[in-house]
Amino acid sequence: MSAATASGEELRGALRQMVAVLQAERQALAGLDLDGITGCAGDKAALCGMIGERARAPLDPECRGLVEAAQRLNEVNRQLRNLIAANVARRLEAMTGAPALYRAPAGAGYAYAFARR
């Protein structure tokens, strides 16, 4: 087996693992399983490193299909996270009677969240 073939197999394996982790993440998000969500985040970060190291050559059709599946799953998970976050924000606002309890003022940007008081 050549180095290119071995690298291709490793890439396919990593992409299959990524698809499996993204499916597990969706289940963890649906169940509001914080440990599962956190574990999936770590797994995704590790797999991104592995995939980045191995994805130097042009992708074969199977790898392209796996990449597209991972992109779709990641987008679904992103939308689900956003829906959960919006639901939590709505509930907090309903409980406190104060909208935008923890949001930065308009135009403050991300740096505001890290500014010292």
N, C-alpha and C. Protein backbone atom coordinates (compact mmCIF):
# COMPACT_ATOMS: atom_id res chain seq x y z
N MET A 1 0.85 -1.17 0.00
CA MET A 1 0.00 0.00 0.00
C MET A 1 0.89 1.23 0.00
N SER A 2 0.60 2.16 -0.91
CA SER A 2 1.42 3.37 -1.01
C SER A 2 1.06 4.35 0.09
N ALA A 3 1.91 5.34 0.30
CA ALA A 3 1.66 6.37 1.32
C ALA A 3 0.40 7.15 0.98
N ALA A 4 0.16 7.42 -0.30
CA ALA A 4 -1.04 8.17 -0.71
C ALA A 4 -2.30 7.37 -0.41
N THR A 5 -2.26 6.06 -0.66
CA THR A 5 -3.41 5.21 -0.38
C THR A 5 -3.67 5.14 1.12
N ALA A 6 -2.61 4.99 1.89
CA ALA A 6 -2.76 4.94 3.36
C ALA A 6 -3.33 6.25 3.88
N SER A 7 -2.84 7.36 3.34
CA SER A 7 -3.34 8.66 3.77
C SER A 7 -4.81 8.83 3.40
N GLY A 8 -5.19 8.34 2.20
CA GLY A 8 -6.58 8.41 1.77
C GLY A 8 -7.49 7.60 2.67
N GLU A 9 -7.03 6.41 3.07
CA GLU A 9 -7.81 5.57 3.99
C GLU A 9 -7.95 6.24 5.35
N GLU A 10 -6.86 6.84 5.83
CA GLU A 10 -6.90 7.54 7.12
C GLU A 10 -7.87 8.71 7.05
N LEU A 11 -7.87 9.44 5.93
CA LEU A 11 -8.78 10.57 5.76
C LEU A 11 -10.22 10.08 5.75
N ARG A 12 -10.51 9.02 5.00
CA ARG A 12 -11.87 8.48 4.97
C ARG A 12 -12.31 8.04 6.36
N GLY A 13 -11.40 7.40 7.09
CA GLY A 13 -11.72 6.98 8.45
C GLY A 13 -12.03 8.17 9.35
N ALA A 14 -11.22 9.21 9.25
CA ALA A 14 -11.44 10.41 10.07
C ALA A 14 -12.76 11.09 9.69
N LEU A 15 -13.07 11.13 8.40
CA LEU A 15 -14.32 11.73 7.95
C LEU A 15 -15.53 10.91 8.41
N ARG A 16 -15.41 9.61 8.38
CA ARG A 16 -16.50 8.75 8.89
C ARG A 16 -16.70 9.00 10.39
N GLN A 17 -15.58 9.12 11.11
CA GLN A 17 -15.68 9.42 12.55
C GLN A 17 -16.35 10.77 12.77
N MET A 18 -16.00 11.76 11.94
CA MET A 18 -16.60 13.09 12.08
C MET A 18 -18.11 13.03 11.87
N VAL A 19 -18.54 12.30 10.86
CA VAL A 19 -19.99 12.15 10.63
C VAL A 19 -20.64 11.50 11.84
N ALA A 20 -20.01 10.46 12.40
CA ALA A 20 -20.56 9.81 13.58
C ALA A 20 -20.62 10.76 14.78
N VAL A 21 -19.57 11.55 14.98
CA VAL A 21 -19.55 12.51 16.09
C VAL A 21 -20.63 13.57 15.90
N LEU A 22 -20.81 14.04 14.67
CA LEU A 22 -21.85 15.04 14.41
C LEU A 22 -23.24 14.47 14.66
N GLN A 23 -23.45 13.19 14.34
CA GLN A 23 -24.73 12.56 14.64
C GLN A 23 -24.93 12.43 16.15
N ALA A 24 -23.87 12.07 16.85
CA ALA A 24 -23.94 11.99 18.32
C ALA A 24 -24.19 13.36 18.93
N GLU A 25 -23.58 14.40 18.34
CA GLU A 25 -23.79 15.75 18.84
C GLU A 25 -25.25 16.16 18.69
N ARG A 26 -25.85 15.81 17.56
CA ARG A 26 -27.26 16.15 17.35
C ARG A 26 -28.12 15.48 18.41
N GLN A 27 -27.84 14.22 18.72
CA GLN A 27 -28.60 13.53 19.76
C GLN A 27 -28.37 14.18 21.12
N ALA A 28 -27.14 14.56 21.40
CA ALA A 28 -26.84 15.22 22.68
C ALA A 28 -27.55 16.57 22.76
N LEU A 29 -27.56 17.32 21.66
CA LEU A 29 -28.27 18.59 21.65
C LEU A 29 -29.76 18.39 21.87
N ALA A 30 -30.32 17.41 21.18
CA ALA A 30 -31.76 17.14 21.32
C ALA A 30 -32.11 16.74 22.75
N GLY A 31 -31.21 16.01 23.41
CA GLY A 31 -31.44 15.59 24.79
C GLY A 31 -30.92 16.56 25.83
N LEU A 32 -30.37 17.70 25.38
CA LEU A 32 -29.76 18.68 26.28
C LEU A 32 -28.76 18.03 27.22
N ASP A 33 -27.97 17.12 26.67
CA ASP A 33 -26.96 16.37 27.41
C ASP A 33 -25.65 17.15 27.37
N LEU A 34 -25.37 17.94 28.40
CA LEU A 34 -24.20 18.80 28.42
C LEU A 34 -22.90 18.02 28.32
N ASP A 35 -22.81 16.90 29.03
CA ASP A 35 -21.59 16.08 28.94
C ASP A 35 -21.38 15.56 27.53
N GLY A 36 -22.46 15.14 26.89
CA GLY A 36 -22.37 14.65 25.52
C GLY A 36 -21.97 15.74 24.55
N ILE A 37 -22.54 16.93 24.73
CA ILE A 37 -22.21 18.07 23.86
C ILE A 37 -20.74 18.43 24.02
N THR A 38 -20.29 18.49 25.26
CA THR A 38 -18.89 18.83 25.54
C THR A 38 -17.94 17.78 24.97
N GLY A 39 -18.28 16.53 25.14
CA GLY A 39 -17.45 15.45 24.60
C GLY A 39 -17.37 15.51 23.08
N CYS A 40 -18.49 15.79 22.44
CA CYS A 40 -18.51 15.89 20.98
C CYS A 40 -17.67 17.08 20.51
N ALA A 41 -17.70 18.17 21.25
CA ALA A 41 -16.90 19.34 20.87
C ALA A 41 -15.41 18.99 20.88
N GLY A 42 -14.99 18.28 21.89
CA GLY A 42 -13.58 17.86 21.96
C GLY A 42 -13.23 16.89 20.84
N ASP A 43 -14.13 15.95 20.58
CA ASP A 43 -13.90 14.99 19.50
C ASP A 43 -13.82 15.70 18.15
N LYS A 44 -14.71 16.66 17.93
CA LYS A 44 -14.69 17.39 16.66
C LYS A 44 -13.39 18.16 16.49
N ALA A 45 -12.92 18.79 17.55
CA ALA A 45 -11.66 19.54 17.46
C ALA A 45 -10.50 18.62 17.11
N ALA A 46 -10.44 17.47 17.75
CA ALA A 46 -9.37 16.51 17.47
C ALA A 46 -9.46 16.00 16.03
N LEU A 47 -10.66 15.69 15.59
CA LEU A 47 -10.84 15.19 14.22
C LEU A 47 -10.52 16.27 13.19
N CYS A 48 -10.83 17.51 13.48
CA CYS A 48 -10.49 18.59 12.55
C CYS A 48 -8.97 18.65 12.35
N GLY A 49 -8.23 18.46 13.42
CA GLY A 49 -6.77 18.43 13.30
C GLY A 49 -6.30 17.28 12.45
N MET A 50 -6.87 16.10 12.66
CA MET A 50 -6.50 14.92 11.88
C MET A 50 -6.85 15.11 10.41
N ILE A 51 -8.05 15.63 10.16
CA ILE A 51 -8.50 15.83 8.79
C ILE A 51 -7.64 16.87 8.09
N GLY A 52 -7.31 17.94 8.79
CA GLY A 52 -6.47 18.99 8.21
C GLY A 52 -5.10 18.49 7.79
N GLU A 53 -4.55 17.57 8.58
CA GLU A 53 -3.24 17.00 8.26
C GLU A 53 -3.28 16.09 7.04
N ARG A 54 -4.42 15.45 6.82
CA ARG A 54 -4.50 14.43 5.77
C ARG A 54 -5.16 14.92 4.49
N ALA A 55 -5.75 16.08 4.49
CA ALA A 55 -6.53 16.54 3.33
C ALA A 55 -5.73 17.45 2.42
N ARG A 56 -4.52 17.11 2.15
CA ARG A 56 -3.66 17.93 1.30
C ARG A 56 -3.87 17.63 -0.19
N ALA A 57 -4.14 16.39 -0.52
CA ALA A 57 -4.32 15.99 -1.92
C ALA A 57 -5.78 16.19 -2.33
N PRO A 58 -6.05 16.18 -3.64
CA PRO A 58 -7.44 16.27 -4.09
C PRO A 58 -8.26 15.12 -3.51
N LEU A 59 -9.52 15.41 -3.20
CA LEU A 59 -10.40 14.41 -2.58
C LEU A 59 -10.99 13.49 -3.62
N ASP A 60 -11.09 12.21 -3.28
CA ASP A 60 -11.78 11.27 -4.16
C ASP A 60 -13.28 11.41 -3.94
N PRO A 61 -14.13 10.80 -4.78
CA PRO A 61 -15.59 10.97 -4.65
C PRO A 61 -16.14 10.56 -3.28
N GLU A 62 -15.60 9.49 -2.70
CA GLU A 62 -16.10 9.07 -1.39
C GLU A 62 -15.79 10.12 -0.32
N CYS A 63 -14.59 10.65 -0.34
CA CYS A 63 -14.22 11.69 0.64
C CYS A 63 -15.06 12.94 0.43
N ARG A 64 -15.29 13.33 -0.82
CA ARG A 64 -16.13 14.50 -1.09
C ARG A 64 -17.53 14.29 -0.54
N GLY A 65 -18.07 13.09 -0.71
CA GLY A 65 -19.39 12.77 -0.17
C GLY A 65 -19.42 12.85 1.35
N LEU A 66 -18.37 12.34 1.98
CA LEU A 66 -18.29 12.40 3.44
C LEU A 66 -18.16 13.84 3.93
N VAL A 67 -17.38 14.65 3.21
CA VAL A 67 -17.23 16.06 3.57
C VAL A 67 -18.58 16.76 3.46
N GLU A 68 -19.31 16.51 2.37
CA GLU A 68 -20.62 17.14 2.19
C GLU A 68 -21.60 16.70 3.28
N ALA A 69 -21.58 15.42 3.64
CA ALA A 69 -22.44 14.93 4.73
C ALA A 69 -22.10 15.61 6.04
N ALA A 70 -20.80 15.74 6.31
CA ALA A 70 -20.37 16.41 7.55
C ALA A 70 -20.79 17.87 7.55
N GLN A 71 -20.68 18.54 6.41
CA GLN A 71 -21.10 19.95 6.34
C GLN A 71 -22.59 20.09 6.61
N ARG A 72 -23.40 19.20 6.03
CA ARG A 72 -24.86 19.25 6.25
C ARG A 72 -25.18 19.01 7.72
N LEU A 73 -24.58 17.98 8.30
CA LEU A 73 -24.83 17.68 9.71
C LEU A 73 -24.39 18.83 10.61
N ASN A 74 -23.24 19.40 10.33
CA ASN A 74 -22.74 20.52 11.13
C ASN A 74 -23.70 21.71 11.05
N GLU A 75 -24.23 21.97 9.87
CA GLU A 75 -25.18 23.08 9.71
C GLU A 75 -26.47 22.81 10.48
N VAL A 76 -26.97 21.58 10.43
CA VAL A 76 -28.18 21.24 11.20
C VAL A 76 -27.91 21.42 12.68
N ASN A 77 -26.74 20.96 13.14
CA ASN A 77 -26.40 21.11 14.56
C ASN A 77 -26.26 22.57 14.95
N ARG A 78 -25.68 23.38 14.06
CA ARG A 78 -25.55 24.82 14.33
C ARG A 78 -26.92 25.46 14.49
N GLN A 79 -27.84 25.12 13.60
CA GLN A 79 -29.19 25.67 13.69
C GLN A 79 -29.89 25.22 14.96
N LEU A 80 -29.70 23.97 15.34
CA LEU A 80 -30.30 23.45 16.57
C LEU A 80 -29.73 24.18 17.79
N ARG A 81 -28.40 24.38 17.81
CA ARG A 81 -27.79 25.14 18.93
C ARG A 81 -28.39 26.54 19.01
N ASN A 82 -28.56 27.19 17.86
CA ASN A 82 -29.11 28.54 17.85
C ASN A 82 -30.56 28.55 18.36
N LEU A 83 -31.34 27.54 17.97
CA LEU A 83 -32.72 27.46 18.47
C LEU A 83 -32.76 27.26 19.97
N ILE A 84 -31.88 26.40 20.47
CA ILE A 84 -31.82 26.17 21.91
C ILE A 84 -31.42 27.46 22.64
N ALA A 85 -30.42 28.15 22.12
CA ALA A 85 -29.97 29.40 22.74
C ALA A 85 -31.08 30.44 22.73
N ALA A 86 -31.81 30.54 21.63
CA ALA A 86 -32.91 31.51 21.55
C ALA A 86 -34.01 31.13 22.54
N ASN A 87 -34.28 29.85 22.69
CA ASN A 87 -35.30 29.40 23.63
C ASN A 87 -34.88 29.73 25.06
N VAL A 88 -33.63 29.50 25.39
CA VAL A 88 -33.13 29.82 26.74
C VAL A 88 -33.24 31.32 26.98
N ALA A 89 -32.85 32.13 26.00
CA ALA A 89 -32.94 33.59 26.14
C ALA A 89 -34.38 34.02 26.38
N ARG A 90 -35.31 33.44 25.62
CA ARG A 90 -36.73 33.77 25.80
C ARG A 90 -37.20 33.41 27.19
N ARG A 91 -36.80 32.25 27.68
CA ARG A 91 -37.22 31.82 29.01
C ARG A 91 -36.64 32.72 30.09
N LEU A 92 -35.36 33.09 29.95
CA LEU A 92 -34.75 34.00 30.92
C LEU A 92 -35.45 35.35 30.92
N GLU A 93 -35.77 35.84 29.75
CA GLU A 93 -36.47 37.12 29.65
C GLU A 93 -37.85 37.03 30.28
N ALA A 94 -38.55 35.91 30.09
CA ALA A 94 -39.87 35.73 30.69
C ALA A 94 -39.78 35.65 32.20
N MET A 95 -38.72 35.00 32.71
CA MET A 95 -38.57 34.87 34.16
C MET A 95 -38.20 36.19 34.82
N THR A 96 -37.38 36.98 34.16
CA THR A 96 -36.90 38.22 34.78
C THR A 96 -37.74 39.43 34.41
N GLY A 97 -38.49 39.30 33.32
CA GLY A 97 -39.26 40.45 32.85
C GLY A 97 -38.38 41.50 32.20
N ALA A 98 -37.12 41.21 32.03
CA ALA A 98 -36.17 42.16 31.44
C ALA A 98 -35.56 41.55 30.19
N PRO A 99 -35.86 42.12 29.03
CA PRO A 99 -35.25 41.58 27.81
C PRO A 99 -33.75 41.88 27.77
N ALA A 100 -33.04 41.08 27.02
CA ALA A 100 -31.60 41.27 26.79
C ALA A 100 -30.81 41.30 28.10
N LEU A 101 -31.08 40.36 28.96
CA LEU A 101 -30.45 40.30 30.27
C LEU A 101 -28.93 40.21 30.19
N TYR A 102 -28.42 39.46 29.25
CA TYR A 102 -26.98 39.24 29.20
C TYR A 102 -26.38 39.61 27.86
N ARG A 103 -27.05 40.40 27.08
CA ARG A 103 -26.52 40.81 25.78
C ARG A 103 -25.77 42.13 25.89
N ALA A 104 -24.74 42.25 25.06
CA ALA A 104 -23.98 43.50 25.01
C ALA A 104 -24.81 44.55 24.28
N PRO A 105 -24.61 45.83 24.60
CA PRO A 105 -25.32 46.88 23.88
C PRO A 105 -25.00 46.82 22.39
N ALA A 106 -25.92 47.30 21.59
CA ALA A 106 -25.74 47.30 20.14
C ALA A 106 -24.45 48.03 19.77
N GLY A 107 -23.70 47.42 18.86
CA GLY A 107 -22.47 48.04 18.38
C GLY A 107 -21.25 47.79 19.26
N ALA A 108 -21.44 47.12 20.40
CA ALA A 108 -20.30 46.89 21.29
C ALA A 108 -19.39 45.79 20.77
N GLY A 109 -19.95 44.85 20.03
CA GLY A 109 -19.15 43.77 19.46
C GLY A 109 -18.74 42.75 20.51
N TYR A 110 -17.93 41.78 20.09
CA TYR A 110 -17.53 40.70 20.97
C TYR A 110 -16.59 41.15 22.07
N ALA A 111 -15.80 42.16 21.82
CA ALA A 111 -14.81 42.59 22.80
C ALA A 111 -15.49 43.01 24.10
N TYR A 112 -16.72 43.49 24.04
CA TYR A 112 -17.43 43.96 25.21
C TYR A 112 -17.58 42.84 26.24
N ALA A 113 -17.82 41.62 25.79
CA ALA A 113 -18.04 40.52 26.71
C ALA A 113 -16.79 40.23 27.53
N PHE A 114 -15.63 40.60 27.04
CA PHE A 114 -14.39 40.31 27.73
C PHE A 114 -13.78 41.53 28.43
N ALA A 115 -14.44 42.66 28.33
CA ALA A 115 -13.91 43.87 28.93
C ALA A 115 -13.98 43.78 30.45
N ARG A 116 -12.98 44.29 31.12
CA ARG A 116 -12.99 44.29 32.59
C ARG A 116 -13.76 45.49 33.07
N ARG A 117 -14.37 45.28 34.18
CA ARG A 117 -15.16 46.38 34.76
C ARG A 117 -14.44 46.97 35.92
